[in-house]
């Protein structure tokens, strides 16, 4: 499958319908962009639990890492709600 979308002036995109369906993404869901070894990115819908999402992204986390990522996640979430 190949789909094309355009980045707006606010760096936003519209997720093509076929991609939305493949990801089972819904309004309000978060997506994670995971860098691959070749420099490309894989996009995944974020599971309800942050820890599962981080494991899917391939991040082995220490307690310090988890607290940092969780803080960044919550700060980003607050930005989105504003």
Protein backbone atom coordinates (compact mmCIF):
# COMPACT_ATOMS: atom_id res chain seq x y z
CA UNK A 1 0.00 0.00 0.00
CA UNK A 2 1.23 3.49 -0.80
CA UNK A 3 -0.49 6.71 0.24
CA UNK A 4 0.38 10.37 -0.07
CA UNK A 5 -0.55 13.28 2.17
CA UNK A 6 0.57 16.90 2.42
CA UNK A 7 2.12 18.71 5.40
CA UNK A 8 0.26 21.96 6.18
CA UNK A 9 1.82 25.26 7.25
CA UNK A 10 1.29 24.12 10.87
CA UNK A 11 3.14 20.83 10.13
CA UNK A 12 -0.10 18.85 10.38
CA UNK A 13 -1.19 16.03 8.09
CA UNK A 14 -4.44 14.31 7.25
CA UNK A 15 -4.09 10.58 7.71
CA UNK A 16 -5.35 8.89 4.53
CA UNK A 17 -8.41 6.69 5.07
CA UNK A 18 -6.70 3.45 4.07
CA UNK A 19 -3.85 4.17 6.53
CA UNK A 20 -6.33 5.06 9.31
CA UNK A 21 -8.14 1.79 8.76
CA UNK A 22 -4.91 -0.23 8.66
CA UNK A 23 -3.77 1.34 11.95
CA UNK A 24 -7.28 1.11 13.43
CA UNK A 25 -6.73 4.75 14.44
CA UNK A 26 -9.56 6.82 15.88
CA UNK A 27 -9.98 10.51 16.69
CA UNK A 28 -7.88 11.32 19.75
CA UNK A 29 -5.51 8.36 19.31
CA UNK A 30 -1.79 8.99 19.42
CA UNK A 31 0.67 7.75 16.83
CA UNK A 32 4.31 6.90 17.44
CA UNK A 33 6.95 7.35 14.72
CA UNK A 34 9.74 4.81 15.18
CA UNK A 35 13.02 5.43 13.36
CA UNK A 36 14.34 2.39 11.52
CA UNK A 37 18.01 1.52 11.00
CA UNK A 38 17.81 2.65 7.37
CA UNK A 39 16.59 6.14 8.40
CA UNK A 40 12.96 5.55 7.43
CA UNK A 41 10.13 5.66 9.97
CA UNK A 42 7.46 3.16 10.95
CA UNK A 43 4.16 4.59 12.21
CA UNK A 44 2.16 2.76 14.87
CA UNK A 45 -1.00 3.63 16.75
CA UNK A 46 -0.19 3.98 20.45
CA UNK A 47 -1.78 1.31 22.64
CA UNK A 48 -3.78 2.53 25.63
CA UNK A 49 -0.92 1.85 28.01
CA UNK A 50 2.22 3.92 27.55
CA UNK A 51 4.48 1.07 28.64
CA UNK A 52 3.15 -1.18 25.87
CA UNK A 53 3.72 1.60 23.33
CA UNK A 54 7.31 2.05 24.45
CA UNK A 55 7.97 -1.68 24.26
CA UNK A 56 6.57 -1.74 20.71
CA UNK A 57 8.92 1.10 19.82
CA UNK A 58 11.79 -1.12 20.93
CA UNK A 59 12.88 1.03 23.87
CA UNK A 60 14.34 -0.90 26.82
CA UNK A 61 13.67 1.49 29.69
CA UNK A 62 15.24 1.92 33.09
CA UNK A 63 13.07 3.51 35.81
CA UNK A 64 14.82 6.85 35.17
CA UNK A 65 14.16 6.58 31.42
CA UNK A 66 10.53 5.67 32.03
CA UNK A 67 10.00 8.72 34.29
CA UNK A 68 11.65 11.02 31.72
CA UNK A 69 9.62 9.64 28.79
CA UNK A 70 6.44 9.70 30.85
CA UNK A 71 7.05 13.36 31.80
CA UNK A 72 7.72 14.27 28.14
CA UNK A 73 4.58 12.38 27.10
CA UNK A 74 2.44 14.20 29.67
CA UNK A 75 3.91 17.59 28.71
CA UNK A 76 3.22 16.88 25.05
CA UNK A 77 -0.30 15.78 25.90
CA UNK A 78 -0.87 19.06 27.80
CA UNK A 79 0.32 21.00 24.73
CA UNK A 80 -2.19 19.14 22.56
CA UNK A 81 -5.05 19.90 24.94
CA UNK A 82 -4.30 23.66 24.98
